[in-house]
Protein backbone atom coordinates (compact mmCIF):
# COMPACT_ATOMS: atom_id res chain seq x y z
CA UNK A 1 -24.78 17.46 4.12
CA UNK A 2 -22.67 16.75 7.20
CA UNK A 3 -23.14 13.13 8.18
CA UNK A 4 -22.37 12.47 11.84
CA UNK A 5 -19.57 10.07 12.79
CA UNK A 6 -18.67 8.55 16.16
CA UNK A 7 -15.46 10.59 16.21
CA UNK A 8 -14.02 13.36 14.02
CA UNK A 9 -12.40 11.92 10.89
CA UNK A 10 -8.98 12.89 9.60
CA UNK A 11 -8.97 12.97 5.78
CA UNK A 12 -5.61 13.18 4.04
CA UNK A 13 -5.66 14.35 0.45
CA UNK A 14 -2.65 14.46 -1.87
CA UNK A 15 -2.82 17.40 -4.26
CA UNK A 16 -1.30 15.64 -7.28
CA UNK A 17 -2.69 12.12 -6.82
CA UNK A 18 -3.72 10.72 -10.22
CA UNK A 19 -5.82 7.88 -8.76
CA UNK A 20 -7.76 9.64 -6.00
CA UNK A 21 -8.14 13.32 -6.89
CA UNK A 22 -7.72 15.97 -4.22
CA UNK A 23 -11.21 17.23 -5.02
CA UNK A 24 -12.54 13.89 -3.70
CA UNK A 25 -10.82 14.46 -0.35
CA UNK A 26 -12.31 17.94 -0.19
CA UNK A 27 -15.78 16.59 -0.97
CA UNK A 28 -15.49 13.82 1.63
CA UNK A 29 -14.46 16.31 4.29
CA UNK A 30 -17.56 18.37 3.56
CA UNK A 31 -19.77 15.26 3.76
CA UNK A 32 -18.61 14.18 7.22
CA UNK A 33 -19.48 16.19 10.30
CA UNK A 34 -16.41 17.49 12.15
CA UNK A 35 -13.99 15.99 9.60
CA UNK A 36 -10.66 17.72 9.03
CA UNK A 37 -8.74 17.79 5.76
CA UNK A 38 -4.97 17.53 5.95
CA UNK A 39 -3.45 18.54 2.62
CA UNK A 40 -0.41 16.68 1.38
CA UNK A 41 1.13 18.98 -1.22
CA UNK A 42 2.83 16.09 -2.98
CA UNK A 43 2.69 13.76 -5.94
CA UNK A 44 1.66 10.18 -6.56
CA UNK A 45 -0.98 7.96 -5.06
CA UNK A 46 -1.36 8.63 -1.33
CA UNK A 47 1.03 10.05 1.23
CA UNK A 48 2.34 6.52 1.84
CA UNK A 49 4.14 6.46 -1.50
CA UNK A 50 5.38 10.05 -1.11
CA UNK A 51 6.48 10.16 2.54
CA UNK A 52 6.16 13.26 4.67
CA UNK A 53 7.32 13.45 8.29
CA UNK A 54 4.74 16.22 8.74
CA UNK A 55 1.91 13.86 7.67
CA UNK A 56 3.27 11.10 9.92
CA UNK A 57 3.31 13.44 12.92
CA UNK A 58 -0.32 14.49 12.40
CA UNK A 59 -1.37 10.86 11.79
CA UNK A 60 0.34 9.75 15.00
CA UNK A 61 -1.33 12.46 17.07
CA UNK A 62 -4.69 11.54 15.57
CA UNK A 63 -4.34 7.80 16.24
CA UNK A 64 -2.86 8.23 19.72
CA UNK A 65 -5.19 10.81 21.20
CA UNK A 66 -7.62 11.95 18.50
CA UNK A 67 -5.97 15.35 17.96
CA UNK A 68 -6.77 16.82 14.58
CA UNK A 69 -4.37 19.14 12.73
CA UNK A 70 -5.30 22.82 12.60
CA UNK A 71 -7.78 23.77 9.90
CA UNK A 72 -5.99 24.44 6.63
CA UNK A 73 -2.85 22.48 7.58
CA UNK A 74 -0.60 21.66 4.63
CA UNK A 75 2.34 19.24 4.61
CA UNK A 76 5.00 18.75 1.99
CA UNK A 77 6.87 15.56 1.07
CA UNK A 78 10.28 15.01 2.63
CA UNK A 79 11.94 14.67 -0.78
CA UNK A 80 10.96 16.11 -4.15
CA UNK A 81 9.36 13.77 -6.66
CA UNK A 82 11.59 11.99 -9.12
CA UNK A 83 14.72 13.10 -7.31
CA UNK A 84 17.75 11.64 -9.03
CA UNK A 85 21.10 11.04 -7.43
CA UNK A 86 23.69 13.65 -8.27
CA UNK A 87 26.50 12.77 -10.62
CA UNK A 88 29.42 11.03 -9.02
CA UNK A 89 32.94 10.56 -10.14
CA UNK A 90 34.40 12.04 -13.26
CA UNK A 91 37.19 11.43 -15.69
CA UNK A 92 39.81 11.46 -12.93
CA UNK A 93 37.93 8.84 -10.88
CA UNK A 94 36.93 6.59 -13.77
CA UNK A 95 33.35 7.84 -13.89
CA UNK A 96 33.72 10.03 -16.96
CA UNK A 97 32.90 9.34 -20.57
CA UNK A 98 36.44 9.21 -21.90
CA UNK A 99 37.79 5.77 -22.65
CA UNK A 100 41.28 4.73 -21.79
CA UNK A 101 43.89 3.90 -24.39
CA UNK A 102 43.04 1.12 -26.79
CA UNK A 103 45.68 -1.62 -26.98
């Protein structure tokens, strides 16, 4: 059933959100007349905790002038989940695992 709303609704669903499943975003989009689903192909709870400049651009357009993303639009996070800093230093710079001489 498509329930009418005063204006089209932008629904953002994160594919790997453990708290609010993507299937819920899909279902909500079907329930609301003229709603548009923007898929965030990311991890974690909401696009706020897994930032995407693509999501932010679509959100801005929607809030400024009501423009919805194209049907089927998919955004990715700006950085991969659980990204760790690369190793730095080494033995020569004091960052390695070898201890100096014992006195």
